[in-house]
């Protein structure tokens, strides 16, 4: 099944973007090609752009506190699985403690890396990460694959607190998705949301190999989905036939 996700608030959008960049950073660890180092440099500098936001740590703390508050309300329901809820609360409380005790912004170790710093100034130039422009990069690209892998692993490890926090929030949001099978008449679907407790995430599952994809729009009160068909010319157009799909709305 193909999965599509749409955030319904800016904090969830931020965490989804961070998750995507972390995936780009971890992907080179699976390859020993010198090109993997260039891919990691781009990902590291994107993460540093996020880390330069002074409110990033506070956003993460506030989101975890919001989840903890929601779990506390759920604990009052007689239908809740107490053991599972306590496990979720423990995971949230544990990471909240780590974040509250943390001193200094995220990404400090990366900022001290000369290779990352020099690459940052070249990312806006087409082909700017060429060996001829960055001798330090040429040096590292010619090191043994094990040395390159160790360097990349140290960069990932320095961001562990941020990555784990983002992953925890998104995992909890996804785990609370309630799924149903619905139909988009003429390629369109829309539904109202509870403005007092809107979901953070809308998800769609489609069968693999279909020639169309969903386009989302929406906010705290309502969301809309339009299905677009991919054409051979590289353009898209609105699908005008019924589409059955799985719709997931998070409870958080």
Protein backbone atom coordinates (compact mmCIF):
# COMPACT_ATOMS: atom_id res chain seq x y z
CA UNK A 1 0.00 0.00 0.00
CA UNK A 2 1.15 3.54 -0.75
CA UNK A 3 0.92 5.98 2.17
CA UNK A 4 0.33 9.75 2.02
CA UNK A 5 0.30 12.03 5.07
CA UNK A 6 -0.95 15.58 5.55
CA UNK A 7 -0.34 17.61 8.74
CA UNK A 8 -3.15 19.77 10.02
CA UNK A 9 -0.97 22.08 12.12
CA UNK A 10 2.41 23.71 11.66
CA UNK A 11 4.12 21.87 14.49
CA UNK A 12 3.32 18.48 12.97
CA UNK A 13 4.45 19.79 9.58
CA UNK A 14 7.77 20.83 11.14
CA UNK A 15 8.31 17.37 12.64
CA UNK A 16 7.45 15.61 9.36
CA UNK A 17 10.00 17.77 7.55
CA UNK A 18 12.63 16.99 10.15
CA UNK A 19 11.85 13.28 9.90
CA UNK A 20 12.39 13.46 6.14
CA UNK A 21 15.77 15.14 6.50
CA UNK A 22 16.88 12.65 9.16
CA UNK A 23 15.97 9.85 6.72
CA UNK A 24 18.21 11.53 4.13
CA UNK A 25 21.02 11.73 6.68
CA UNK A 26 20.71 8.08 7.69
CA UNK A 27 20.43 6.78 4.14
CA UNK A 28 24.13 7.40 3.31
CA UNK A 29 25.10 5.15 6.23
CA UNK A 30 23.92 2.23 4.12
CA UNK A 31 26.35 3.08 1.33
CA UNK A 32 30.14 3.27 1.29
CA UNK A 33 30.32 5.38 -1.87
CA UNK A 34 31.94 8.82 -1.62
CA UNK A 35 28.68 10.26 -2.95
CA UNK A 36 27.09 9.32 0.38
CA UNK A 37 29.24 11.93 2.11
CA UNK A 38 27.92 14.67 -0.16
CA UNK A 39 24.34 13.60 0.50
CA UNK A 40 25.00 13.67 4.26
CA UNK A 41 26.52 17.15 4.03
CA UNK A 42 23.37 18.48 2.42
CA UNK A 43 21.18 16.78 5.04
CA UNK A 44 23.33 18.05 7.94
CA UNK A 45 23.08 21.62 6.73
CA UNK A 46 19.32 21.33 6.33
CA UNK A 47 19.09 20.05 9.90
CA UNK A 48 21.24 22.97 11.06
CA UNK A 49 18.73 25.32 9.42
CA UNK A 50 16.06 23.79 11.65
CA UNK A 51 18.37 23.92 14.69
CA UNK A 52 18.98 27.63 14.13
CA UNK A 53 15.37 28.21 15.15
CA UNK A 54 15.57 29.14 18.86
CA UNK A 55 12.05 27.80 19.45
CA UNK A 56 12.76 24.28 18.16
CA UNK A 57 13.48 22.75 21.58
CA UNK A 58 10.46 24.55 23.05
CA UNK A 59 8.21 23.30 20.22
CA UNK A 60 9.27 19.75 20.98
CA UNK A 61 8.70 20.16 24.72
CA UNK A 62 5.28 21.77 24.20
CA UNK A 63 4.19 18.99 21.86
CA UNK A 64 5.25 16.28 24.30
CA UNK A 65 3.48 18.13 27.11
CA UNK A 66 0.34 18.28 24.95
CA UNK A 67 0.50 14.53 24.43
CA UNK A 68 1.07 13.94 28.15
CA UNK A 69 -2.00 16.05 28.95
CA UNK A 70 -4.09 14.10 26.44
CA UNK A 71 -2.96 10.80 27.94
CA UNK A 72 -3.91 12.07 31.40
CA UNK A 73 -7.45 12.76 30.13
CA UNK A 74 -7.62 9.33 28.50
CA UNK A 75 -6.63 7.73 31.81
CA UNK A 76 -10.00 8.83 33.23
CA UNK A 77 -11.88 6.65 30.73
CA UNK A 78 -12.90 3.18 31.99
CA UNK A 79 -12.45 1.77 28.46
CA UNK A 80 -8.76 2.61 28.17
CA UNK A 81 -6.01 -0.02 28.23
CA UNK A 82 -4.26 1.09 31.41
CA UNK A 83 -1.01 -0.81 30.86
CA UNK A 84 -0.59 0.47 27.31
CA UNK A 85 -1.41 4.02 28.36
CA UNK A 86 1.12 3.91 31.20
CA UNK A 87 3.75 2.73 28.73
CA UNK A 88 3.02 5.70 26.46
CA UNK A 89 3.10 8.11 29.40
CA UNK A 90 6.44 6.70 30.54
CA UNK A 91 7.99 7.19 27.09
CA UNK A 92 6.78 10.80 26.94
CA UNK A 93 7.82 11.66 30.51
CA UNK A 94 11.24 10.11 30.02
CA UNK A 95 12.01 12.20 26.94
CA UNK A 96 10.54 15.34 28.46
CA UNK A 97 13.02 15.01 31.33
CA UNK A 98 15.91 14.68 28.86
CA UNK A 99 14.82 17.79 26.95
CA UNK A 100 14.25 19.88 30.08
CA UNK A 101 17.70 18.99 31.42
CA UNK A 102 19.41 19.71 28.12
CA UNK A 103 21.71 22.72 27.99
CA UNK A 104 22.40 24.51 24.74
CA UNK A 105 20.71 24.30 21.34
CA UNK A 106 20.60 21.27 19.08
CA UNK A 107 23.33 20.86 16.47
CA UNK A 108 26.25 22.34 18.43
CA UNK A 109 28.56 19.45 17.50
CA UNK A 110 27.77 19.85 13.80
CA UNK A 111 28.50 23.57 13.88
CA UNK A 112 32.06 22.79 15.03
CA UNK A 113 32.69 20.50 12.04
CA UNK A 114 34.82 22.39 9.53
CA UNK A 115 33.76 20.10 6.68
CA UNK A 116 30.08 20.85 7.30
CA UNK A 117 30.76 24.57 7.72
CA UNK A 118 32.71 24.86 4.46
CA UNK A 119 30.14 22.81 2.55
CA UNK A 120 27.38 25.10 3.83
CA UNK A 121 28.84 28.02 1.92
CA UNK A 122 28.89 26.00 -1.32
CA UNK A 123 25.38 24.50 -1.32
CA UNK A 124 23.87 27.43 -3.20
CA UNK A 125 26.36 27.03 -6.07
CA UNK A 126 25.52 24.50 -8.83
CA UNK A 127 28.04 21.70 -8.42
CA UNK A 128 29.50 23.55 -5.46
CA UNK A 129 30.48 20.36 -3.64
CA UNK A 130 33.01 19.40 -6.30
CA UNK A 131 36.37 18.14 -5.02
CA UNK A 132 38.19 20.95 -6.83
CA UNK A 133 36.39 23.55 -4.72
CA UNK A 134 36.65 21.75 -1.37
CA UNK A 135 40.01 20.05 -0.79
CA UNK A 136 38.83 18.90 2.66
CA UNK A 137 35.94 17.07 0.98
CA UNK A 138 38.32 15.53 -1.58
CA UNK A 139 40.44 14.35 1.35
CA UNK A 140 37.49 12.65 3.05
CA UNK A 141 36.09 11.13 -0.14
CA UNK A 142 39.37 9.27 -0.55
CA UNK A 143 39.39 7.83 2.96
CA UNK A 144 38.50 4.21 3.64
CA UNK A 145 34.75 3.48 3.60
CA UNK A 146 34.88 2.48 7.27
CA UNK A 147 36.31 5.91 8.19
CA UNK A 148 33.59 7.70 6.22
CA UNK A 149 30.92 5.56 7.88
CA UNK A 150 32.34 6.34 11.33
CA UNK A 151 32.31 10.08 10.57
CA UNK A 152 28.69 9.99 9.40
CA UNK A 153 27.67 7.90 12.42
CA UNK A 154 29.18 10.50 14.76
CA UNK A 155 27.12 13.22 13.07
CA UNK A 156 23.93 11.21 13.47
CA UNK A 157 24.74 10.41 17.10
CA UNK A 158 25.19 14.09 17.94
CA UNK A 159 21.56 14.70 16.92
CA UNK A 160 20.14 11.70 18.77
CA UNK A 161 18.09 13.73 21.26
CA UNK A 162 16.35 15.72 18.53
CA UNK A 163 15.77 12.73 16.28
CA UNK A 164 14.35 10.58 19.10
CA UNK A 165 12.01 13.36 20.21
CA UNK A 166 10.65 13.93 16.70
CA UNK A 167 10.31 10.18 16.14
CA UNK A 168 8.47 9.71 19.44
CA UNK A 169 5.92 12.45 18.67
CA UNK A 170 5.21 11.17 15.16
CA UNK A 171 5.06 7.54 16.28
CA UNK A 172 2.44 8.38 18.91
CA UNK A 173 0.39 10.44 16.46
CA UNK A 174 0.47 7.66 13.87
CA UNK A 175 -0.32 4.92 16.40
CA UNK A 176 -3.57 6.68 17.33
CA UNK A 177 -4.87 6.88 13.75
CA UNK A 178 -8.38 5.50 13.30
CA UNK A 179 -8.85 3.98 9.84
CA UNK A 180 -11.94 3.65 7.65
CA UNK A 181 -12.67 2.86 4.00
CA UNK A 182 -14.27 5.80 2.18
CA UNK A 183 -15.01 6.83 -1.39
CA UNK A 184 -14.12 10.07 -3.14
CA UNK A 185 -16.96 10.86 -5.54
CA UNK A 186 -15.62 12.24 -8.84
CA UNK A 187 -12.12 12.26 -7.38
CA UNK A 188 -13.04 14.62 -4.54
CA UNK A 189 -13.54 14.07 -0.83
CA UNK A 190 -14.08 16.42 2.09
CA UNK A 191 -15.09 16.16 5.73
CA UNK A 192 -15.50 18.44 8.75
CA UNK A 193 -13.25 18.27 11.80
CA UNK A 194 -13.85 18.87 15.47
CA UNK A 195 -12.31 22.34 16.02
CA UNK A 196 -12.01 21.65 19.76
CA UNK A 197 -9.81 18.61 19.20
CA UNK A 198 -8.69 18.49 15.54
CA UNK A 199 -6.41 15.64 14.47
CA UNK A 200 -2.77 16.46 13.90
CA UNK A 201 -2.50 14.17 10.89
CA UNK A 202 -4.60 12.92 7.98
CA UNK A 203 -3.37 9.74 6.26
CA UNK A 204 -4.36 8.00 3.04
CA UNK A 205 -3.55 4.48 1.91
CA UNK A 206 -3.88 3.52 -1.75
CA UNK A 207 -3.13 0.32 -3.59
CA UNK A 208 0.32 0.26 -5.17
CA UNK A 209 0.68 0.93 -8.88
CA UNK A 210 -2.25 3.32 -9.32
CA UNK A 211 -1.79 6.21 -11.73
CA UNK A 212 -3.06 8.92 -9.38
CA UNK A 213 -2.25 10.51 -6.03
CA UNK A 214 -4.03 12.72 -3.44
CA UNK A 215 -3.62 16.45 -3.00
CA UNK A 216 -4.59 17.75 0.43
CA UNK A 217 -5.85 21.06 1.74
CA UNK A 218 -7.44 21.97 5.03
CA UNK A 219 -7.11 23.36 8.52
CA UNK A 220 -8.66 23.10 11.97
CA UNK A 221 -12.29 22.93 10.79
CA UNK A 222 -12.32 20.93 7.55
CA UNK A 223 -10.09 19.12 5.08
CA UNK A 224 -10.38 18.34 1.38
CA UNK A 225 -8.73 15.73 -0.83
CA UNK A 226 -8.47 15.92 -4.62
CA UNK A 227 -7.07 13.00 -6.57
CA UNK A 228 -4.78 13.95 -9.44
CA UNK A 229 -3.89 11.71 -12.36
CA UNK A 230 -0.30 11.54 -13.63
CA UNK A 231 -0.10 11.94 -17.42
CA UNK A 232 2.61 10.72 -19.78
CA UNK A 233 3.59 14.29 -20.63
CA UNK A 234 4.69 14.86 -17.03
CA UNK A 235 1.63 16.91 -16.10
CA UNK A 236 -1.37 16.15 -13.89
CA UNK A 237 -5.11 16.61 -14.13
CA UNK A 238 -8.02 16.14 -11.75
CA UNK A 239 -9.36 12.61 -11.67
CA UNK A 240 -13.11 12.62 -12.30
CA UNK A 241 -14.01 9.04 -11.36
CA UNK A 242 -14.81 7.46 -7.95
CA UNK A 243 -11.83 6.48 -5.81
CA UNK A 244 -12.02 4.09 -2.85
CA UNK A 245 -9.27 4.52 -0.30
CA UNK A 246 -8.33 4.03 3.34
CA UNK A 247 -8.57 7.23 5.41
CA UNK A 248 -6.79 7.63 8.74
CA UNK A 249 -7.34 10.45 11.26
CA UNK A 250 -5.10 10.70 14.30
CA UNK A 251 -6.70 10.93 17.74
CA UNK A 252 -3.93 13.29 18.92
